[in-house]
Each structure stands twice: as C-alpha cells, then as structure tokens.
C-alpha cells in the first residue's frame, strides 16, 4: 500500500508541477514531499523529475511512472467503488472545475447539497475565469458552456441555455429598440472580452439566414457579471446567458431584444475523461447536478 501512497503523492506533484502546491493538498510541508520523492527515486533507482528553480518537469521515466501509475490508481478507485456499491453510496474524492459566475450561483450550492446527501464524498471545487484542462490539472469533471471542445472528452448535456440580447427599460426609453441586428451598430453595446472569441462579433441566425455584426461601445469587460450590472444600469445592450438573466427578465429589469433572431446556444455540459466514464462517484454527481439545474435553471 506504500506504493499506492507514493503513486498518489507523485501524481499530485506532477499535476501541480510544484512541491509546495502538492504539499498544500496533502497537508504536509514541502520538505516532507521533497524527502519522500527522493526516497521513491532511490527505491526505483531512476530520476523521476527534473528540478529547476521555477518548475518541475518529468523525465521519461517519470512520464512512464505517472501514466502507468495513474491507471493503477484508477483501477484501485474503481475496485473500492465496486465494493462500496453494495451500500449504494458514492465515496471518495472528486475534483470539479467550473466558471466563477455559474460556479458560485449554481455549482457551489449543488456541491454542498450532494456532499450532504453522501457524507462519504469529499469534493474540491475550483472556479476559474477560463476552462481548466481536465487532464493536465487533474480534474474529474468540468462544467462548460457550448459544444464539447475536445474529442478526447466525454460530454453530457445538463441543460440547454440560450444567449439573449437584452437591455434595461431605461436604455430602451432613451434610445429605442433595434429591429434588426444591423441596427446594433447605432447602439451602445456592452462587449464581453471572452476567451479566444473575436472581439465584438455577435453571430445571429434566423431561419437559414446568418448575420455577423461587429458591435462596439464605450464599455467592455472580461467579466460577464460586470457586463450584466452595466446593462441593468441602462448603459447599453448586452448578450447574456439565460441562466444569468432569467430573474431580471421576469422582474422587468431587462427586456429581450431581437427575439426573431437567435444567437449560438451556450448549453451547459459536464465534461469528463473517457477513463472515468464508469466511476460511480462521478456518475452520481453528474446525475445530481443535472437534477439540481432543472430546479434552478429554467
């Protein structure tokens, strides 16, 4: 069992590329991790990592130890899940990644409810402004918007999610409503600088007709929550996800625009690596999250 413990420690070091980060997750000091790593290398008779002042990198032997060792750890976890399946309760550690806004509003509460239902579960939820790599950063599942970006990943649709053009009643009273996408060029648009998407390009479709409109305005941000607040204050026209603005639409604080036109959906998916597709804890969490979103995202 010491071998499995060493494998788990080494996998953490490899994932973080840092002894200090691995030590924080293990709850020990960096010198303790360094000493243990050196002991593993002496036992195996090979160097597993190249140490530099800035970051650790794996040697070819380290890459082999990690890839084969990860499979063994997965098999052990699967075996434990098969044993515990008789009590029909998921157990173990699950690492989840989601975006800041949606993670705070929907994933965080669902994680807490899931762990309360299954006390044997431990969940680490990390929120990031950009999607993290499941494989490189060691996440079991990532909550993403739009189509699955990587053929190596499995994707399960949790909820459909429209993008909606909207503005406040105050803005509409001052500037009127655009009747076609082209008229957006004459309006103050609130631009979101998002990942690698073309800046200020809004893509519309109606029946078989497609239009890409280059919008602009005095205000732009890389944070969707800020853009939403500007829209609520009447500073311009925004494109936001249905999950984020549905309460504001219901209260009349925002008004949908160009309803005859559609924008690309930002459907909500759970993405996970193929090797994890039979994990009981993962399957249970995704099922639970999907049911939770049915109640909180209409």
Protein backbone atom coordinates (compact mmCIF):
# COMPACT_ATOMS: atom_id res chain seq x y z
CA UNK A 1 0.00 0.00 0.00
CA UNK A 2 3.02 2.34 0.43
CA UNK A 3 3.47 2.04 -3.33
CA UNK A 4 -0.05 3.32 -3.95
CA UNK A 5 0.56 6.14 -1.48
CA UNK A 6 3.78 7.06 -3.29
CA UNK A 7 1.94 6.99 -6.62
CA UNK A 8 -0.73 9.33 -5.30
CA UNK A 9 1.91 11.73 -3.97
CA UNK A 10 3.84 11.65 -7.24
CA UNK A 11 0.65 12.25 -9.27
CA UNK A 12 -0.05 15.38 -7.20
CA UNK A 13 3.50 16.66 -7.74
CA UNK A 14 3.24 16.01 -11.48
CA UNK A 15 -0.19 17.65 -11.79
CA UNK A 16 0.81 20.81 -9.93
CA UNK A 17 4.41 20.97 -11.19
CA UNK A 18 5.28 22.20 -7.72
CA UNK A 19 6.32 20.56 -4.44
CA UNK A 20 4.70 23.39 -2.46
CA UNK A 21 1.32 23.00 -4.20
CA UNK A 22 1.37 19.22 -3.73
CA UNK A 23 2.31 19.70 -0.08
CA UNK A 24 -0.63 22.05 0.49
CA UNK A 25 -3.04 19.48 -0.92
CA UNK A 26 -1.52 16.68 1.18
CA UNK A 27 -1.44 18.83 4.32
CA UNK A 28 2.32 18.45 4.87
CA UNK A 29 5.41 20.62 4.40
CA UNK A 30 7.27 20.98 1.07
CA UNK A 31 10.47 19.48 2.59
CA UNK A 32 8.45 16.40 3.57
CA UNK A 33 7.25 15.96 -0.01
CA UNK A 34 10.77 16.55 -1.36
CA UNK A 35 12.22 13.95 1.01
CA UNK A 36 9.57 11.39 0.12
CA UNK A 37 10.04 11.98 -3.60
CA UNK A 38 13.78 11.43 -3.20
CA UNK A 39 13.06 8.19 -1.33
CA UNK A 40 10.85 6.97 -4.19
CA UNK A 41 13.57 7.79 -6.71
CA UNK A 42 16.18 5.92 -4.64
CA UNK A 43 13.88 2.92 -4.31
CA UNK A 44 13.23 2.82 -8.06
CA UNK A 45 16.83 3.65 -8.98
CA UNK A 46 15.82 6.33 -11.51
CA UNK A 47 15.22 10.07 -11.55
CA UNK A 48 11.52 10.88 -11.96
CA UNK A 49 11.63 14.67 -12.14
CA UNK A 50 13.99 17.38 -13.30
CA UNK A 51 14.14 20.12 -10.69
CA UNK A 52 14.61 23.76 -11.66
CA UNK A 53 14.21 26.94 -9.64
CA UNK A 54 10.84 27.68 -11.26
CA UNK A 55 9.11 24.39 -12.01
CA UNK A 56 9.43 20.63 -12.02
CA UNK A 57 9.32 18.63 -15.23
CA UNK A 58 9.03 14.87 -15.63
CA UNK A 59 11.81 12.71 -17.01
CA UNK A 60 10.87 9.96 -19.50
CA UNK A 61 10.89 7.54 -16.57
CA UNK A 62 8.66 9.92 -14.66
CA UNK A 63 6.21 10.10 -17.56
CA UNK A 64 6.03 6.29 -17.64
CA UNK A 65 5.60 6.08 -13.86
CA UNK A 66 2.81 8.67 -13.99
CA UNK A 67 0.86 7.21 -16.92
CA UNK A 68 1.03 3.60 -15.69
CA UNK A 69 0.59 4.64 -12.07
CA UNK A 70 -2.48 6.73 -12.85
CA UNK A 71 -4.13 3.69 -14.44
CA UNK A 72 -3.38 1.66 -11.31
CA UNK A 73 -4.83 4.36 -9.06
CA UNK A 74 -7.96 4.49 -11.23
CA UNK A 75 -8.31 0.71 -11.05
CA UNK A 76 -7.95 0.82 -7.28
CA UNK A 77 -10.58 3.55 -7.04
CA UNK A 78 -12.89 1.53 -9.29
CA UNK A 79 -12.37 -1.55 -7.12
CA UNK A 80 -13.24 0.40 -3.98
CA UNK A 81 -16.34 1.78 -5.69
CA UNK A 82 -17.42 -1.74 -6.67
CA UNK A 83 -17.04 -2.82 -3.06
CA UNK A 84 -18.95 0.17 -1.70
CA UNK A 85 -21.62 -0.07 -4.40
CA UNK A 86 -23.37 -2.69 -2.31
CA UNK A 87 -24.39 0.09 0.08
CA UNK A 88 -25.38 2.23 -2.93
CA UNK A 89 -23.47 5.27 -1.75
CA UNK A 90 -20.67 7.05 -3.68
CA UNK A 91 -17.48 7.72 -1.76
CA UNK A 92 -14.08 9.25 -2.32
CA UNK A 93 -12.56 12.46 -3.68
CA UNK A 94 -14.00 14.35 -6.66
CA UNK A 95 -12.29 17.39 -8.22
CA UNK A 96 -14.67 19.76 -10.03
CA UNK A 97 -13.90 22.79 -12.20
CA UNK A 98 -16.40 25.50 -13.24
CA UNK A 99 -16.51 29.17 -14.18
CA UNK A 100 -16.70 31.85 -11.50
CA UNK A 101 -20.22 33.16 -12.16
CA UNK A 102 -22.05 29.91 -12.81
CA UNK A 103 -19.92 28.10 -10.25
CA UNK A 104 -20.87 30.49 -7.45
CA UNK A 105 -24.54 30.62 -8.37
CA UNK A 106 -25.34 27.01 -9.24
CA UNK A 107 -22.45 24.55 -8.95
CA UNK A 108 -21.34 25.57 -5.46
CA UNK A 109 -24.78 25.07 -3.86
CA UNK A 110 -25.24 21.76 -5.72
CA UNK A 111 -21.84 20.52 -4.50
CA UNK A 112 -22.78 21.29 -0.90
CA UNK A 113 -26.15 19.52 -1.26
CA UNK A 114 -24.52 16.50 -2.90
CA UNK A 115 -21.95 16.12 -0.14
CA UNK A 116 -24.66 16.48 2.49
CA UNK A 117 -26.56 13.61 0.86
CA UNK A 118 -23.42 11.46 0.53
CA UNK A 119 -21.20 12.17 3.57
CA UNK A 120 -18.51 9.74 2.38
CA UNK A 121 -17.76 12.10 -0.55
CA UNK A 122 -15.03 14.75 -0.48
CA UNK A 123 -15.29 17.42 -3.17
CA UNK A 124 -12.79 20.06 -4.24
CA UNK A 125 -14.46 22.77 -6.35
CA UNK A 126 -12.11 25.13 -8.18
CA UNK A 127 -13.56 28.13 -10.00
CA UNK A 128 -11.54 29.70 -12.81
CA UNK A 129 -12.04 32.51 -15.31
CA UNK A 130 -11.04 30.15 -18.15
CA UNK A 131 -11.76 26.43 -18.53
CA UNK A 132 -9.03 24.34 -16.92
CA UNK A 133 -7.57 21.24 -18.58
CA UNK A 134 -9.08 18.15 -17.01
CA UNK A 135 -6.07 16.01 -17.85
CA UNK A 136 -3.26 18.43 -17.10
CA UNK A 137 -4.82 19.94 -13.98
CA UNK A 138 -6.22 16.69 -12.61
CA UNK A 139 -9.95 17.46 -12.56
CA UNK A 140 -12.53 14.68 -12.69
CA UNK A 141 -15.25 16.83 -14.23
CA UNK A 142 -15.57 20.30 -15.74
CA UNK A 143 -18.78 22.28 -16.18
CA UNK A 144 -18.64 24.02 -19.56
CA UNK A 145 -20.78 26.16 -21.87
CA UNK A 146 -21.21 25.48 -25.57
CA UNK A 147 -20.17 22.38 -27.54
CA UNK A 148 -17.65 19.91 -26.18
CA UNK A 149 -14.26 21.33 -27.18
CA UNK A 150 -12.16 18.18 -27.16
CA UNK A 151 -12.83 14.83 -28.84
CA UNK A 152 -10.90 13.10 -26.05
CA UNK A 153 -13.54 14.13 -23.54
CA UNK A 154 -17.00 12.77 -22.90
CA UNK A 155 -19.77 15.34 -22.63
CA UNK A 156 -23.18 15.10 -21.03
CA UNK A 157 -25.75 17.81 -21.65
CA UNK A 158 -27.04 19.12 -18.32
CA UNK A 159 -29.26 21.98 -19.50
CA UNK A 160 -29.96 23.89 -22.69
CA UNK A 161 -29.06 27.54 -22.33
CA UNK A 162 -29.93 30.34 -24.77
CA UNK A 163 -27.98 33.54 -25.23
CA UNK A 164 -30.26 36.57 -25.20
CA UNK A 165 -29.81 40.15 -26.42
CA UNK A 166 -31.19 42.44 -23.75
CA UNK A 167 -31.29 45.97 -22.35
CA UNK A 168 -32.93 47.80 -19.48
CA UNK A 169 -36.25 49.65 -19.87
CA UNK A 170 -34.36 52.89 -19.13
CA UNK A 171 -31.98 52.35 -22.04
CA UNK A 172 -34.85 51.47 -24.39
CA UNK A 173 -36.77 54.60 -23.32
CA UNK A 174 -33.80 56.78 -24.28
CA UNK A 175 -32.56 55.01 -27.41
CA UNK A 176 -35.35 52.73 -28.64
CA UNK A 177 -35.20 49.07 -29.68
CA UNK A 178 -33.16 47.76 -32.60
CA UNK A 179 -35.43 46.00 -35.09
CA UNK A 180 -32.63 44.20 -36.97
CA UNK A 181 -29.12 43.05 -35.97
CA UNK A 182 -27.62 45.65 -38.32
CA UNK A 183 -29.16 48.44 -36.23
CA UNK A 184 -26.96 47.41 -33.30
CA UNK A 185 -24.18 49.40 -34.95
CA UNK A 186 -26.04 52.57 -33.94
CA UNK A 187 -26.41 51.49 -30.31
CA UNK A 188 -24.12 51.39 -27.29
CA UNK A 189 -23.26 47.70 -26.94
CA UNK A 190 -21.60 46.20 -23.89
CA UNK A 191 -18.79 43.99 -25.16
CA UNK A 192 -17.51 40.94 -23.32
CA UNK A 193 -13.90 40.00 -23.98
CA UNK A 194 -14.28 36.24 -23.74
CA UNK A 195 -11.53 33.63 -24.22
CA UNK A 196 -10.43 33.49 -27.87
CA UNK A 197 -13.71 34.68 -29.41
CA UNK A 198 -13.50 37.52 -31.92
CA UNK A 199 -13.87 40.82 -30.10
CA UNK A 200 -17.30 42.40 -30.50
CA UNK A 201 -18.60 39.87 -33.07
CA UNK A 202 -22.21 38.80 -32.45
CA UNK A 203 -23.47 35.95 -34.65
CA UNK A 204 -27.20 35.91 -35.48
CA UNK A 205 -29.35 33.43 -37.39
CA UNK A 206 -32.98 33.49 -38.49
CA UNK A 207 -34.32 30.55 -40.45
CA UNK A 208 -31.50 29.95 -42.97
CA UNK A 209 -30.14 33.47 -42.87
CA UNK A 210 -27.00 34.28 -40.88
CA UNK A 211 -25.52 37.66 -39.97
CA UNK A 212 -22.38 38.55 -38.07
CA UNK A 213 -22.49 42.03 -36.60
CA UNK A 214 -19.47 43.90 -35.32
CA UNK A 215 -20.65 45.81 -32.27
CA UNK A 216 -18.89 48.45 -30.24
CA UNK A 217 -19.40 50.70 -27.28
CA UNK A 218 -17.64 52.73 -24.62
CA UNK A 219 -17.74 49.90 -22.07
CA UNK A 220 -16.12 46.45 -22.35
CA UNK A 221 -15.05 43.90 -19.78
CA UNK A 222 -13.76 40.35 -19.46
CA UNK A 223 -16.26 39.68 -16.66
CA UNK A 224 -19.84 38.76 -17.52
CA UNK A 225 -21.13 39.87 -14.14
CA UNK A 226 -19.82 43.38 -14.73
CA UNK A 227 -21.45 43.49 -18.18
CA UNK A 228 -24.75 42.43 -16.60
CA UNK A 229 -24.54 45.20 -13.99
CA UNK A 230 -23.90 47.77 -16.71
CA UNK A 231 -26.92 46.53 -18.64
CA UNK A 232 -29.11 46.78 -15.52
CA UNK A 233 -27.91 50.39 -15.05
CA UNK A 234 -29.03 51.28 -18.56
CA UNK A 235 -25.57 51.71 -20.04
CA UNK A 236 -26.15 49.66 -23.17
CA UNK A 237 -27.25 46.45 -24.91
CA UNK A 238 -25.73 43.17 -23.77
CA UNK A 239 -25.74 39.48 -24.69
CA UNK A 240 -26.09 37.29 -21.63
CA UNK A 241 -26.96 33.68 -20.89
CA UNK A 242 -30.50 32.70 -19.99
CA UNK A 243 -29.43 31.26 -16.63
CA UNK A 244 -27.93 34.58 -15.61
CA UNK A 245 -30.74 36.97 -16.53
CA UNK A 246 -33.96 34.95 -16.21
CA UNK A 247 -34.87 36.55 -12.86
CA UNK A 248 -34.16 40.03 -14.24
CA UNK A 249 -36.38 39.32 -17.26
CA UNK A 250 -39.17 38.06 -15.01
CA UNK A 251 -38.98 41.25 -12.90
CA UNK A 252 -38.94 43.52 -15.94
CA UNK A 253 -35.46 44.80 -15.09
CA UNK A 254 -34.25 43.67 -18.52
CA UNK A 255 -36.11 43.38 -21.80
CA UNK A 256 -35.25 40.80 -24.51
CA UNK A 257 -34.44 42.27 -27.93
CA UNK A 258 -34.35 40.88 -31.49
CA UNK A 259 -36.44 37.89 -30.43
CA UNK A 260 -36.92 36.77 -34.02
CA UNK A 261 -33.17 36.15 -34.23
CA UNK A 262 -31.07 33.51 -32.48
CA UNK A 263 -27.55 33.51 -31.12
CA UNK A 264 -25.40 30.37 -30.70
CA UNK A 265 -26.56 28.50 -27.63
CA UNK A 266 -24.31 28.19 -24.59
CA UNK A 267 -25.64 24.80 -23.49
CA UNK A 268 -24.32 23.56 -20.16
CA UNK A 269 -22.28 20.33 -20.30
CA UNK A 270 -20.42 18.16 -17.84
CA UNK A 271 -17.13 17.10 -19.44
CA UNK A 272 -15.04 14.20 -18.19
CA UNK A 273 -12.22 11.98 -19.37
CA UNK A 274 -13.13 8.73 -21.05
CA UNK A 275 -11.28 6.66 -18.48
CA UNK A 276 -13.60 8.00 -15.78
CA UNK A 277 -16.87 7.17 -17.51
CA UNK A 278 -17.70 4.21 -15.22
CA UNK A 279 -16.89 5.96 -11.94
CA UNK A 280 -19.82 5.65 -9.56
CA UNK A 281 -18.99 8.87 -7.71
CA UNK A 282 -18.70 10.79 -10.98
CA UNK A 283 -21.89 9.38 -12.45
CA UNK A 284 -23.78 10.10 -9.21
CA UNK A 285 -22.51 13.68 -9.09
CA UNK A 286 -23.40 14.43 -12.71
CA UNK A 287 -26.88 12.94 -12.23
CA UNK A 288 -27.36 15.05 -9.10
CA UNK A 289 -26.10 18.23 -10.75
CA UNK A 290 -28.39 17.71 -13.74
CA UNK A 291 -31.41 17.35 -11.46
CA UNK A 292 -30.34 20.39 -9.46
CA UNK A 293 -30.10 22.55 -12.61
CA UNK A 294 -33.61 21.51 -13.65
CA UNK A 295 -34.85 23.21 -10.49
CA UNK A 296 -32.61 26.29 -10.56
CA UNK A 297 -32.14 26.95 -14.31
CA UNK A 298 -35.35 27.04 -16.33
